[in-house]
Amino acid sequence: RPAVDPSVAPAKALSREYSKWRKYDADAALLEFENEGTTEEGTQTRCMASRQSAMLCTENYTKDREEYDLDQDIAKQIGGLKQHLAQRLKDAAGLKLEGNKMLREGRFPDACVAYQSGLEA
Protein backbone atom coordinates (compact mmCIF):
# COMPACT_ATOMS: atom_id res chain seq x y z
CA ARG A 1 0.00 0.00 0.00
CA PRO A 2 1.46 3.42 -0.99
CA ALA A 3 2.01 6.03 1.66
CA VAL A 4 -0.48 8.91 1.62
CA ASP A 5 1.11 12.17 0.58
CA PRO A 6 0.04 14.73 3.23
CA SER A 7 0.25 17.63 0.75
CA VAL A 8 -2.41 16.12 -1.56
CA ALA A 9 -5.33 16.47 0.88
CA PRO A 10 -4.90 20.25 1.43
CA ALA A 11 -4.51 20.80 -2.33
CA LYS A 12 -7.81 19.00 -3.01
CA ALA A 13 -9.57 21.00 -0.30
CA LEU A 14 -8.20 24.23 -1.73
CA SER A 15 -9.31 23.25 -5.22
CA ARG A 16 -12.79 22.47 -3.90
CA GLU A 17 -13.01 25.90 -2.22
CA TYR A 18 -11.92 27.71 -5.39
CA SER A 19 -14.49 25.82 -7.45
CA LYS A 20 -17.18 27.12 -5.06
CA TRP A 21 -16.05 30.68 -5.81
CA ARG A 22 -16.17 30.04 -9.55
CA LYS A 23 -19.80 28.98 -9.20
CA TYR A 24 -20.69 31.92 -6.93
CA ASP A 25 -23.13 34.38 -8.56
CA ALA A 26 -22.24 37.77 -7.08
CA ASP A 27 -25.10 39.53 -8.87
CA ALA A 28 -27.63 37.07 -7.43
CA ALA A 29 -26.20 37.65 -3.96
CA LEU A 30 -26.41 41.43 -4.42
CA LEU A 31 -30.00 41.14 -5.66
CA GLU A 32 -30.91 39.04 -2.63
CA PHE A 33 -29.26 41.63 -0.36
CA GLU A 34 -31.05 44.49 -2.13
CA ASN A 35 -34.41 42.72 -1.77
CA GLU A 36 -34.05 42.22 2.00
CA GLY A 37 -37.01 43.73 3.84
CA THR A 38 -39.06 44.29 0.68
CA THR A 39 -42.45 42.96 -0.34
CA GLU A 40 -43.80 41.80 -3.69
CA GLU A 41 -46.09 44.86 -4.03
CA GLY A 42 -43.92 47.37 -2.21
CA THR A 43 -44.62 49.37 0.92
CA GLN A 44 -45.40 52.73 -0.62
CA THR A 45 -46.85 53.91 -3.93
CA ARG A 46 -47.00 57.51 -5.15
CA CYS A 47 -48.64 58.88 -8.26
CA MET A 48 -47.60 62.25 -9.69
CA ALA A 49 -49.15 63.88 -12.73
CA SER A 50 -48.71 67.08 -14.70
CA ARG A 51 -49.94 68.31 -18.06
CA GLN A 52 -47.12 66.59 -19.95
CA SER A 53 -46.49 63.44 -17.94
CA ALA A 54 -47.52 61.05 -15.22
CA MET A 55 -45.28 59.01 -12.96
CA LEU A 56 -45.99 56.09 -10.65
CA CYS A 57 -43.37 55.32 -8.00
CA THR A 58 -43.34 52.19 -5.88
CA GLU A 59 -40.84 51.84 -3.06
CA ASN A 60 -39.50 48.82 -1.20
CA TYR A 61 -40.70 46.24 -3.71
CA THR A 62 -38.90 43.03 -4.61
CA LYS A 63 -36.93 43.29 -7.85
CA ASP A 64 -36.43 40.39 -10.21
CA ARG A 65 -33.16 39.58 -11.98
CA GLU A 66 -34.20 41.37 -15.20
CA GLU A 67 -34.87 44.64 -13.36
CA TYR A 68 -31.62 44.30 -11.43
CA ASP A 69 -29.73 43.85 -14.73
CA LEU A 70 -31.53 46.89 -16.20
CA ASP A 71 -30.53 48.97 -13.17
CA GLN A 72 -26.91 47.90 -13.64
CA ASP A 73 -27.07 48.80 -17.34
CA ILE A 74 -28.58 52.21 -16.58
CA ALA A 75 -25.84 52.90 -14.02
CA LYS A 76 -23.19 52.13 -16.66
CA GLN A 77 -24.92 54.33 -19.23
CA ILE A 78 -25.16 57.22 -16.76
CA GLY A 79 -21.47 56.85 -15.96
CA GLY A 80 -20.63 57.03 -19.66
CA LEU A 81 -22.89 60.05 -20.12
CA LYS A 82 -21.24 61.84 -17.19
CA GLN A 83 -17.80 61.24 -18.72
CA HIS A 84 -19.00 62.49 -22.11
CA LEU A 85 -20.50 65.65 -20.60
CA ALA A 86 -17.40 66.31 -18.51
CA GLN A 87 -15.21 66.07 -21.62
CA ARG A 88 -17.51 68.45 -23.53
CA LEU A 89 -17.41 70.95 -20.66
CA LYS A 90 -13.62 70.69 -20.53
CA ASP A 91 -13.40 71.28 -24.30
CA ALA A 92 -15.76 74.27 -24.09
CA ALA A 93 -13.78 75.82 -21.23
CA GLY A 94 -10.54 75.37 -23.19
CA LEU A 95 -12.03 77.06 -26.25
CA LYS A 96 -13.27 79.92 -24.08
CA LEU A 97 -9.77 80.45 -22.68
CA GLU A 98 -8.36 80.30 -26.20
CA GLY A 99 -10.92 82.90 -27.31
CA ASN A 100 -10.01 85.14 -24.36
CA LYS A 101 -6.34 84.96 -25.33
CA MET A 102 -7.12 85.83 -28.95
CA LEU A 103 -9.33 88.70 -27.83
CA ARG A 104 -6.48 90.14 -25.72
CA GLU A 105 -4.20 89.82 -28.76
CA GLY A 106 -6.68 91.76 -30.87
CA ARG A 107 -7.58 88.79 -33.08
CA PHE A 108 -11.32 89.45 -32.93
CA PRO A 109 -12.50 87.16 -35.80
CA ASP A 110 -10.44 84.25 -34.44
CA ALA A 111 -11.78 84.88 -30.94
CA CYS A 112 -15.36 84.77 -32.26
CA VAL A 113 -14.65 81.44 -33.98
CA ALA A 114 -13.18 80.00 -30.77
CA TYR A 115 -16.14 81.23 -28.70
CA GLN A 116 -18.61 79.80 -31.24
CA SER A 117 -16.80 76.45 -31.21
CA GLY A 118 -16.92 76.49 -27.41
CA LEU A 119 -20.67 77.07 -27.46
CA GLU A 120 -21.14 74.15 -29.86
CA ALA A 121 -18.87 71.80 -27.91
C-alpha atoms as a PDB file:
ATOM      1  CA  ARG A   1       0.000   0.000   0.000  1.00  0.00           C
ATOM      2  CA  PRO A   2       1.464   3.421  -0.988  1.00  0.00           C
ATOM      3  CA  ALA A   3       2.009   6.026   1.665  1.00  0.00           C
ATOM      4  CA  VAL A   4      -0.479   8.914   1.618  1.00  0.00           C
ATOM      5  CA  ASP A   5       1.109  12.171   0.579  1.00  0.00           C
ATOM      6  CA  PRO A   6       0.039  14.733   3.232  1.00  0.00           C
ATOM      7  CA  SER A   7       0.251  17.631   0.746  1.00  0.00           C
ATOM      8  CA  VAL A   8      -2.412  16.119  -1.564  1.00  0.00           C
ATOM      9  CA  ALA A   9      -5.327  16.474   0.881  1.00  0.00           C
ATOM     10  CA  PRO A  10      -4.895  20.253   1.428  1.00  0.00           C
ATOM     11  CA  ALA A  11      -4.513  20.798  -2.327  1.00  0.00           C
ATOM     12  CA  LYS A  12      -7.813  19.002  -3.009  1.00  0.00           C
ATOM     13  CA  ALA A  13      -9.567  20.997  -0.297  1.00  0.00           C
ATOM     14  CA  LEU A  14      -8.198  24.228  -1.733  1.00  0.00           C
ATOM     15  CA  SER A  15      -9.309  23.248  -5.217  1.00  0.00           C
ATOM     16  CA  ARG A  16     -12.790  22.470  -3.901  1.00  0.00           C
ATOM     17  CA  GLU A  17     -13.011  25.898  -2.219  1.00  0.00           C
ATOM     18  CA  TYR A  18     -11.917  27.710  -5.392  1.00  0.00           C
ATOM     19  CA  SER A  19     -14.494  25.820  -7.449  1.00  0.00           C
ATOM     20  CA  LYS A  20     -17.178  27.123  -5.055  1.00  0.00           C
ATOM     21  CA  TRP A  21     -16.053  30.679  -5.806  1.00  0.00           C
ATOM     22  CA  ARG A  22     -16.169  30.041  -9.555  1.00  0.00           C
ATOM     23  CA  LYS A  23     -19.801  28.976  -9.202  1.00  0.00           C
ATOM     24  CA  TYR A  24     -20.691  31.918  -6.929  1.00  0.00           C
ATOM     25  CA  ASP A  25     -23.129  34.378  -8.559  1.00  0.00           C
ATOM     26  CA  ALA A  26     -22.240  37.765  -7.078  1.00  0.00           C
ATOM     27  CA  ASP A  27     -25.099  39.526  -8.871  1.00  0.00           C
ATOM     28  CA  ALA A  28     -27.628  37.068  -7.435  1.00  0.00           C
ATOM     29  CA  ALA A  29     -26.198  37.649  -3.964  1.00  0.00           C
ATOM     30  CA  LEU A  30     -26.414  41.428  -4.417  1.00  0.00           C
ATOM     31  CA  LEU A  31     -29.996  41.142  -5.658  1.00  0.00           C
ATOM     32  CA  GLU A  32     -30.908  39.042  -2.625  1.00  0.00           C
ATOM     33  CA  PHE A  33     -29.258  41.626  -0.355  1.00  0.00           C
ATOM     34  CA  GLU A  34     -31.051  44.486  -2.135  1.00  0.00           C
ATOM     35  CA  ASN A  35     -34.412  42.724  -1.770  1.00  0.00           C
ATOM     36  CA  GLU A  36     -34.050  42.216   1.997  1.00  0.00           C
ATOM     37  CA  GLY A  37     -37.007  43.726   3.835  1.00  0.00           C
ATOM     38  CA  THR A  38     -39.056  44.288   0.676  1.00  0.00           C
ATOM     39  CA  THR A  39     -42.445  42.957  -0.338  1.00  0.00           C
ATOM     40  CA  GLU A  40     -43.804  41.802  -3.692  1.00  0.00           C
ATOM     41  CA  GLU A  41     -46.089  44.855  -4.033  1.00  0.00           C
ATOM     42  CA  GLY A  42     -43.917  47.375  -2.206  1.00  0.00           C
ATOM     43  CA  THR A  43     -44.616  49.374   0.918  1.00  0.00           C
ATOM     44  CA  GLN A  44     -45.401  52.735  -0.619  1.00  0.00           C
ATOM     45  CA  THR A  45     -46.846  53.913  -3.925  1.00  0.00           C
ATOM     46  CA  ARG A  46     -46.996  57.507  -5.155  1.00  0.00           C
ATOM     47  CA  CYS A  47     -48.636  58.880  -8.259  1.00  0.00           C
ATOM     48  CA  MET A  48     -47.603  62.250  -9.694  1.00  0.00           C
ATOM     49  CA  ALA A  49     -49.149  63.885 -12.730  1.00  0.00           C
ATOM     50  CA  SER A  50     -48.713  67.083 -14.697  1.00  0.00           C
ATOM     51  CA  ARG A  51     -49.940  68.312 -18.062  1.00  0.00           C
ATOM     52  CA  GLN A  52     -47.116  66.593 -19.946  1.00  0.00           C
ATOM     53  CA  SER A  53     -46.485  63.444 -17.944  1.00  0.00           C
ATOM     54  CA  ALA A  54     -47.517  61.053 -15.220  1.00  0.00           C
ATOM     55  CA  MET A  55     -45.278  59.008 -12.961  1.00  0.00           C
ATOM     56  CA  LEU A  56     -45.989  56.087 -10.654  1.00  0.00           C
ATOM     57  CA  CYS A  57     -43.371  55.325  -8.001  1.00  0.00           C
ATOM     58  CA  THR A  58     -43.337  52.189  -5.881  1.00  0.00           C
ATOM     59  CA  GLU A  59     -40.842  51.839  -3.059  1.00  0.00           C
ATOM     60  CA  ASN A  60     -39.496  48.817  -1.198  1.00  0.00           C
ATOM     61  CA  TYR A  61     -40.703  46.238  -3.707  1.00  0.00           C
ATOM     62  CA  THR A  62     -38.905  43.025  -4.608  1.00  0.00           C
ATOM     63  CA  LYS A  63     -36.927  43.287  -7.850  1.00  0.00           C
ATOM     64  CA  ASP A  64     -36.431  40.390 -10.213  1.00  0.00           C
ATOM     65  CA  ARG A  65     -33.163  39.580 -11.984  1.00  0.00           C
ATOM     66  CA  GLU A  66     -34.198  41.369 -15.196  1.00  0.00           C
ATOM     67  CA  GLU A  67     -34.873  44.636 -13.361  1.00  0.00           C
ATOM     68  CA  TYR A  68     -31.618  44.302 -11.435  1.00  0.00           C
ATOM     69  CA  ASP A  69     -29.734  43.852 -14.732  1.00  0.00           C
ATOM     70  CA  LEU A  70     -31.528  46.890 -16.201  1.00  0.00           C
ATOM     71  CA  ASP A  71     -30.532  48.973 -13.169  1.00  0.00           C
ATOM     72  CA  GLN A  72     -26.905  47.902 -13.645  1.00  0.00           C
ATOM     73  CA  ASP A  73     -27.074  48.796 -17.338  1.00  0.00           C
ATOM     74  CA  ILE A  74     -28.583  52.211 -16.583  1.00  0.00           C
ATOM     75  CA  ALA A  75     -25.844  52.904 -14.022  1.00  0.00           C
ATOM     76  CA  LYS A  76     -23.190  52.126 -16.656  1.00  0.00           C
ATOM     77  CA  GLN A  77     -24.918  54.329 -19.230  1.00  0.00           C
ATOM     78  CA  ILE A  78     -25.163  57.220 -16.755  1.00  0.00           C
ATOM     79  CA  GLY A  79     -21.467  56.849 -15.962  1.00  0.00           C
ATOM     80  CA  GLY A  80     -20.625  57.031 -19.662  1.00  0.00           C
ATOM     81  CA  LEU A  81     -22.891  60.050 -20.116  1.00  0.00           C
ATOM     82  CA  LYS A  82     -21.237  61.840 -17.186  1.00  0.00           C
ATOM     83  CA  GLN A  83     -17.801  61.238 -18.719  1.00  0.00           C
ATOM     84  CA  HIS A  84     -18.999  62.485 -22.106  1.00  0.00           C
ATOM     85  CA  LEU A  85     -20.499  65.647 -20.604  1.00  0.00           C
ATOM     86  CA  ALA A  86     -17.401  66.309 -18.505  1.00  0.00           C
ATOM     87  CA  GLN A  87     -15.212  66.073 -21.617  1.00  0.00           C
ATOM     88  CA  ARG A  88     -17.511  68.450 -23.533  1.00  0.00           C
ATOM     89  CA  LEU A  89     -17.408  70.955 -20.660  1.00  0.00           C
ATOM     90  CA  LYS A  90     -13.621  70.694 -20.533  1.00  0.00           C
ATOM     91  CA  ASP A  91     -13.401  71.284 -24.298  1.00  0.00           C
ATOM     92  CA  ALA A  92     -15.763  74.271 -24.094  1.00  0.00           C
ATOM     93  CA  ALA A  93     -13.781  75.821 -21.232  1.00  0.00           C
ATOM     94  CA  GLY A  94     -10.539  75.367 -23.192  1.00  0.00           C
ATOM     95  CA  LEU A  95     -12.030  77.063 -26.253  1.00  0.00           C
ATOM     96  CA  LYS A  96     -13.271  79.920 -24.080  1.00  0.00           C
ATOM     97  CA  LEU A  97      -9.770  80.446 -22.681  1.00  0.00           C
ATOM     98  CA  GLU A  98      -8.358  80.304 -26.202  1.00  0.00           C
ATOM     99  CA  GLY A  99     -10.924  82.902 -27.305  1.00  0.00           C
ATOM    100  CA  ASN A 100     -10.013  85.142 -24.363  1.00  0.00           C
ATOM    101  CA  LYS A 101      -6.338  84.962 -25.325  1.00  0.00           C
ATOM    102  CA  MET A 102      -7.122  85.832 -28.955  1.00  0.00           C
ATOM    103  CA  LEU A 103      -9.329  88.699 -27.829  1.00  0.00           C
ATOM    104  CA  ARG A 104      -6.484  90.140 -25.723  1.00  0.00           C
ATOM    105  CA  GLU A 105      -4.196  89.823 -28.761  1.00  0.00           C
ATOM    106  CA  GLY A 106      -6.677  91.760 -30.873  1.00  0.00           C
ATOM    107  CA  ARG A 107      -7.578  88.793 -33.084  1.00  0.00           C
ATOM    108  CA  PHE A 108     -11.323  89.446 -32.934  1.00  0.00           C
ATOM    109  CA  PRO A 109     -12.503  87.165 -35.797  1.00  0.00           C
ATOM    110  CA  ASP A 110     -10.437  84.247 -34.438  1.00  0.00           C
ATOM    111  CA  ALA A 111     -11.780  84.878 -30.939  1.00  0.00           C
ATOM    112  CA  CYS A 112     -15.358  84.772 -32.262  1.00  0.00           C
ATOM    113  CA  VAL A 113     -14.651  81.445 -33.980  1.00  0.00           C
ATOM    114  CA  ALA A 114     -13.180  80.005 -30.766  1.00  0.00           C
ATOM    115  CA  TYR A 115     -16.145  81.232 -28.700  1.00  0.00           C
ATOM    116  CA  GLN A 116     -18.612  79.804 -31.237  1.00  0.00           C
ATOM    117  CA  SER A 117     -16.797  76.452 -31.213  1.00  0.00           C
ATOM    118  CA  GLY A 118     -16.924  76.486 -27.411  1.00  0.00           C
ATOM    119  CA  LEU A 119     -20.673  77.066 -27.464  1.00  0.00           C
ATOM    120  CA  GLU A 120     -21.140  74.155 -29.861  1.00  0.00           C
ATOM    121  CA  ALA A 121     -18.874  71.795 -27.905  1.00  0.00           C
END
